[in-house]
């Protein structure tokens, strides 16, 4: 039975919602319900209240400890209820929605003849990934701490609501190590109880996220799309996207969003988007 209602994070104005509306099949309502916290309980409760409705949820992958190669399809998401695995929906193969919006193939299709030369754009994207590699390693190390209230996994100025990013001089390995130390100190009691050494994890992740590492090879999956986008702002200005008054990176993202909204076959642009549309049509709750 097809999904009737697909829950997602954010609000009605979020990019997640606007992109999903162009991907889901007819008859599926996209319903943003704010924060990711408590989603499991809300889905199960909604199914009890509306037993004739097929309700599922799509969530961000976020940072995790799985560095296996991308599969280009949404991952199934389950909950254990009365010792049985109950499907709740899916989570993206990539970290967040921006990881898809800045993909060269999406940029080309969304912007058409106004897209920057794709080879130059790819160079800008690669350059951004190299610059944020250390910071990404730190963010992943902090995110993989598994206790109920994980430490804050980023730092710097708030570039837009909920997205913090440091100045470029704060991206060095030594700066990341120092910031991890400050965050650990703030959460010291919980960290001691779990006997987790985040700095050891950081050292390992430096290799994975550095050039030649497994995560770097697939940075559009494992790095934060918002970080990659913000780090490209100066390169995007060179490619013709001017500050007005927002930074060029957000002007660029807005044009991609508009290009997506004006297109009629968006789900065909990426294999994962097409597969999500199929999964929504095939969803079964056992």
Protein backbone atom coordinates (compact mmCIF):
# COMPACT_ATOMS: atom_id res chain seq x y z
CA UNK A 1 0.00 0.00 0.00
CA UNK A 2 1.47 3.41 -0.90
CA UNK A 3 2.46 5.85 1.82
CA UNK A 4 -0.29 8.43 2.40
CA UNK A 5 1.74 10.71 4.66
CA UNK A 6 5.50 11.17 4.70
CA UNK A 7 6.84 12.93 7.78
CA UNK A 8 10.07 14.91 7.55
CA UNK A 9 12.05 17.39 9.62
CA UNK A 10 11.75 21.16 9.38
CA UNK A 11 8.76 23.38 8.59
CA UNK A 12 6.61 24.03 5.56
CA UNK A 13 9.17 26.50 4.17
CA UNK A 14 12.17 24.17 4.52
CA UNK A 15 14.13 23.03 1.48
CA UNK A 16 13.58 19.41 2.56
CA UNK A 17 9.82 19.79 2.11
CA UNK A 18 10.07 21.65 -1.18
CA UNK A 19 12.37 19.02 -2.71
CA UNK A 20 10.34 16.09 -1.39
CA UNK A 21 7.16 17.54 -2.88
CA UNK A 22 8.81 17.18 -6.30
CA UNK A 23 9.89 13.59 -5.63
CA UNK A 24 6.95 11.83 -3.97
CA UNK A 25 4.20 10.26 -6.14
CA UNK A 26 0.73 11.72 -6.40
CA UNK A 27 -1.38 10.99 -3.34
CA UNK A 28 1.46 11.24 -0.83
CA UNK A 29 1.30 14.20 1.54
CA UNK A 30 4.62 15.57 2.82
CA UNK A 31 4.19 16.70 6.40
CA UNK A 32 6.99 18.54 8.23
CA UNK A 33 6.87 18.06 11.99
CA UNK A 34 9.83 20.09 13.25
CA UNK A 35 12.60 18.55 15.31
CA UNK A 36 13.96 15.05 14.68
CA UNK A 37 13.65 14.21 18.39
CA UNK A 38 10.75 11.96 19.29
CA UNK A 39 9.97 11.02 15.70
CA UNK A 40 9.73 7.29 16.48
CA UNK A 41 7.04 7.76 19.09
CA UNK A 42 5.12 10.25 16.97
CA UNK A 43 4.96 7.91 13.98
CA UNK A 44 3.82 4.95 16.07
CA UNK A 45 1.21 7.10 17.82
CA UNK A 46 -0.05 8.52 14.51
CA UNK A 47 -0.48 5.01 13.12
CA UNK A 48 -2.55 4.00 16.14
CA UNK A 49 -4.77 7.04 15.81
CA UNK A 50 -5.16 6.66 12.02
CA UNK A 51 -4.98 2.89 11.35
CA UNK A 52 -6.32 3.31 7.80
CA UNK A 53 -3.48 5.64 6.85
CA UNK A 54 -0.03 4.49 5.72
CA UNK A 55 2.39 6.79 7.56
CA UNK A 56 6.18 6.77 7.19
CA UNK A 57 9.05 9.09 7.81
CA UNK A 58 12.21 10.20 6.00
CA UNK A 59 15.05 11.53 8.12
CA UNK A 60 18.54 12.88 7.57
CA UNK A 61 21.36 10.39 7.85
CA UNK A 62 23.46 12.85 9.88
CA UNK A 63 26.98 11.81 10.90
CA UNK A 64 27.52 8.15 11.81
CA UNK A 65 30.28 5.57 12.20
CA UNK A 66 29.48 3.71 8.95
CA UNK A 67 32.03 4.57 6.25
CA UNK A 68 30.90 1.97 3.71
CA UNK A 69 30.51 3.06 0.10
CA UNK A 70 27.33 4.88 -0.96
CA UNK A 71 24.47 2.66 -2.12
CA UNK A 72 22.46 5.44 -3.84
CA UNK A 73 19.21 4.35 -2.24
CA UNK A 74 17.49 5.34 1.01
CA UNK A 75 18.28 3.15 4.01
CA UNK A 76 15.43 1.34 5.74
CA UNK A 77 14.68 2.55 9.25
CA UNK A 78 13.14 0.23 11.86
CA UNK A 79 12.01 0.35 15.45
CA UNK A 80 11.71 -2.59 17.84
CA UNK A 81 8.15 -2.86 19.14
CA UNK A 82 7.19 -5.83 21.34
CA UNK A 83 10.29 -7.70 20.17
CA UNK A 84 9.40 -7.20 16.51
CA UNK A 85 11.08 -5.02 13.89
CA UNK A 86 8.58 -2.46 12.63
CA UNK A 87 9.49 -0.35 9.56
CA UNK A 88 9.17 3.37 10.23
CA UNK A 89 10.44 4.65 6.89
CA UNK A 90 13.88 5.59 5.63
CA UNK A 91 16.91 7.78 6.09
CA UNK A 92 18.94 9.37 3.32
CA UNK A 93 22.11 7.73 2.02
CA UNK A 94 23.78 11.16 2.24
CA UNK A 95 24.20 13.31 5.31
CA UNK A 96 21.49 15.92 4.57
CA UNK A 97 19.47 17.52 1.77
CA UNK A 98 22.23 19.99 0.80
CA UNK A 99 24.44 17.02 -0.10
CA UNK A 100 22.06 16.41 -3.00
CA UNK A 101 21.43 20.03 -3.99
CA UNK A 102 25.13 20.76 -4.54
CA UNK A 103 25.80 17.58 -6.55
CA UNK A 104 27.08 18.60 -10.01
CA UNK A 105 24.35 16.68 -11.85
CA UNK A 106 21.62 18.43 -9.84
CA UNK A 107 23.26 21.84 -10.32
CA UNK A 108 23.38 21.28 -14.08
CA UNK A 109 19.73 20.19 -14.32
CA UNK A 110 18.36 22.81 -11.91
CA UNK A 111 20.18 25.78 -13.47
CA UNK A 112 20.16 24.70 -17.11
CA UNK A 113 22.00 27.12 -19.38
CA UNK A 114 22.67 29.36 -16.35
CA UNK A 115 24.72 26.66 -14.60
CA UNK A 116 28.42 27.40 -14.11
CA UNK A 117 30.89 25.36 -16.19
CA UNK A 118 30.63 21.98 -14.48
CA UNK A 119 34.39 21.34 -14.54
CA UNK A 120 35.02 24.63 -12.74
CA UNK A 121 32.20 23.93 -10.32
CA UNK A 122 33.61 20.46 -9.57
CA UNK A 123 37.00 22.06 -8.84
CA UNK A 124 35.34 24.46 -6.39
CA UNK A 125 33.53 21.58 -4.70
CA UNK A 126 36.73 19.52 -4.38
CA UNK A 127 38.54 22.53 -2.93
CA UNK A 128 35.79 23.01 -0.35
CA UNK A 129 36.02 19.35 0.71
CA UNK A 130 39.78 19.59 1.22
CA UNK A 131 39.40 22.71 3.36
CA UNK A 132 36.79 21.23 5.70
CA UNK A 133 38.30 17.73 6.00
CA UNK A 134 39.75 18.28 9.50
CA UNK A 135 36.57 19.95 10.73
CA UNK A 136 34.47 17.11 9.34
CA UNK A 137 36.62 14.53 11.15
CA UNK A 138 36.05 16.44 14.40
CA UNK A 139 32.30 16.70 13.84
CA UNK A 140 31.96 12.99 13.11
CA UNK A 141 34.05 12.05 16.15
CA UNK A 142 31.83 14.19 18.38
CA UNK A 143 28.61 12.95 16.75
CA UNK A 144 29.40 9.28 17.30
CA UNK A 145 29.39 9.62 21.08
CA UNK A 146 26.43 7.46 22.05
CA UNK A 147 24.87 8.77 25.21
CA UNK A 148 21.46 10.45 25.50
CA UNK A 149 22.74 14.00 25.06
CA UNK A 150 25.64 14.01 22.58
CA UNK A 151 27.94 17.02 22.79
CA UNK A 152 27.53 19.90 20.39
CA UNK A 153 29.30 18.80 17.21
CA UNK A 154 30.20 22.13 15.62
CA UNK A 155 31.47 25.58 16.49
CA UNK A 156 31.98 29.06 15.11
CA UNK A 157 29.45 31.71 14.14
CA UNK A 158 25.84 30.90 13.35
CA UNK A 159 25.75 31.32 9.57
CA UNK A 160 22.02 30.62 9.33
CA UNK A 161 19.57 29.26 11.91
CA UNK A 162 21.01 26.08 13.40
CA UNK A 163 24.17 26.01 11.24
CA UNK A 164 27.43 27.01 12.88
CA UNK A 165 30.70 27.26 10.99
CA UNK A 166 34.13 28.56 12.04
CA UNK A 167 36.28 31.09 10.27
CA UNK A 168 38.67 29.48 7.79
CA UNK A 169 41.65 29.92 10.11
CA UNK A 170 39.78 27.80 12.68
CA UNK A 171 39.71 24.73 10.43
CA UNK A 172 43.28 23.61 11.06
CA UNK A 173 43.90 20.26 12.72
CA UNK A 174 45.24 21.94 15.87
CA UNK A 175 42.15 24.16 16.13
CA UNK A 176 39.86 21.15 15.77
CA UNK A 177 41.75 19.26 18.46
CA UNK A 178 41.49 22.27 20.77
CA UNK A 179 37.74 22.69 20.19
CA UNK A 180 37.17 18.98 20.83
CA UNK A 181 39.01 19.42 24.13
CA UNK A 182 36.75 22.30 25.13
CA UNK A 183 33.60 20.33 24.31
CA UNK A 184 34.87 17.26 26.16
CA UNK A 185 35.66 19.37 29.20
CA UNK A 186 32.10 20.68 29.21
CA UNK A 187 30.72 17.11 29.15
CA UNK A 188 33.50 15.53 31.20
CA UNK A 189 31.41 13.56 33.69
CA UNK A 190 29.36 11.80 31.00
CA UNK A 191 32.47 11.19 28.91
CA UNK A 192 34.34 9.64 31.83
CA UNK A 193 31.43 7.35 32.56
CA UNK A 194 31.52 5.94 29.05
CA UNK A 195 35.32 5.78 28.86
CA UNK A 196 35.22 7.16 25.31
CA UNK A 197 38.32 8.81 23.87
CA UNK A 198 37.04 11.21 21.24
CA UNK A 199 40.53 12.42 20.41
CA UNK A 200 41.54 8.88 19.45
CA UNK A 201 38.51 8.67 17.19
CA UNK A 202 39.44 12.05 15.73
CA UNK A 203 42.92 10.80 14.81
CA UNK A 204 41.43 7.84 12.94
CA UNK A 205 38.87 10.00 11.20
CA UNK A 206 41.55 12.44 10.03
CA UNK A 207 42.78 9.65 7.76
CA UNK A 208 39.30 8.70 6.58
CA UNK A 209 38.33 12.31 5.85
CA UNK A 210 41.66 13.39 4.38
CA UNK A 211 42.48 13.10 0.68
CA UNK A 212 42.65 9.45 -0.26
CA UNK A 213 40.53 8.41 2.73
CA UNK A 214 37.31 6.46 2.30
CA UNK A 215 35.06 9.27 3.47
CA UNK A 216 36.85 11.87 1.36
CA UNK A 217 36.39 9.73 -1.76
CA UNK A 218 32.64 10.07 -1.21
CA UNK A 219 32.49 13.46 0.49
CA UNK A 220 29.06 14.22 -0.97
CA UNK A 221 27.81 11.36 1.19
CA UNK A 222 29.81 11.78 4.40
CA UNK A 223 30.66 15.49 4.74
CA UNK A 224 27.98 17.99 5.77
CA UNK A 225 26.37 19.53 2.70
CA UNK A 226 25.80 22.80 4.57
CA UNK A 227 29.53 22.98 5.40
CA UNK A 228 30.58 22.21 1.83
CA UNK A 229 28.17 24.84 0.55
CA UNK A 230 29.30 27.57 2.94
CA UNK A 231 32.99 26.86 2.27
CA UNK A 232 32.37 27.37 -1.46
CA UNK A 233 31.07 30.90 -1.08
CA UNK A 234 34.17 32.70 -2.41
CA UNK A 235 34.54 30.28 -5.32
CA UNK A 236 30.86 30.67 -6.19
CA UNK A 237 31.34 34.44 -6.35
CA UNK A 238 34.01 33.85 -9.00
CA UNK A 239 31.49 31.73 -10.88
CA UNK A 240 28.99 34.60 -11.00
CA UNK A 241 26.88 34.17 -7.85
CA UNK A 242 27.13 37.48 -6.03
CA UNK A 243 26.34 38.42 -2.41
CA UNK A 244 22.93 40.11 -2.46
CA UNK A 245 22.88 40.65 0.56
CA UNK A 246 23.16 37.00 1.61
CA UNK A 247 26.46 35.21 0.96
CA UNK A 248 26.85 33.88 -2.58
CA UNK A 249 26.45 30.29 -1.36
CA UNK A 250 22.88 30.93 -0.25
CA UNK A 251 22.07 32.83 -3.46
CA UNK A 252 23.33 29.75 -5.33
CA UNK A 253 21.21 27.38 -3.22
CA UNK A 254 18.11 29.53 -3.74
CA UNK A 255 18.54 29.38 -7.51
CA UNK A 256 18.83 25.60 -7.34
CA UNK A 257 15.67 25.48 -5.22
CA UNK A 258 13.79 27.58 -7.77
CA UNK A 259 15.07 25.39 -10.59
CA UNK A 260 13.80 22.31 -8.78
CA UNK A 261 10.40 23.88 -8.16
CA UNK A 262 9.97 24.76 -11.82
CA UNK A 263 10.87 21.26 -13.06
CA UNK A 264 8.41 18.41 -13.58
CA UNK A 265 10.69 15.33 -13.50
CA UNK A 266 12.90 16.01 -10.49
CA UNK A 267 12.68 12.44 -9.14
CA UNK A 268 14.53 11.22 -12.25
CA UNK A 269 17.60 13.39 -11.59
CA UNK A 270 19.28 11.03 -9.12
CA UNK A 271 18.96 7.25 -8.67
CA UNK A 272 18.25 7.70 -4.95
CA UNK A 273 15.41 10.12 -5.61
CA UNK A 274 13.84 7.72 -8.10
CA UNK A 275 14.22 4.82 -5.66
CA UNK A 276 12.59 6.82 -2.84
CA UNK A 277 9.58 7.44 -5.06
CA UNK A 278 9.35 3.70 -5.73
CA UNK A 279 9.70 2.79 -2.04
CA UNK A 280 6.92 5.18 -1.08
CA UNK A 281 4.65 3.40 -3.58
CA UNK A 282 5.63 -0.07 -2.27
CA UNK A 283 5.74 0.52 1.49
CA UNK A 284 4.45 -2.29 3.72
CA UNK A 285 4.08 -2.27 7.51
CA UNK A 286 4.19 -5.87 8.70
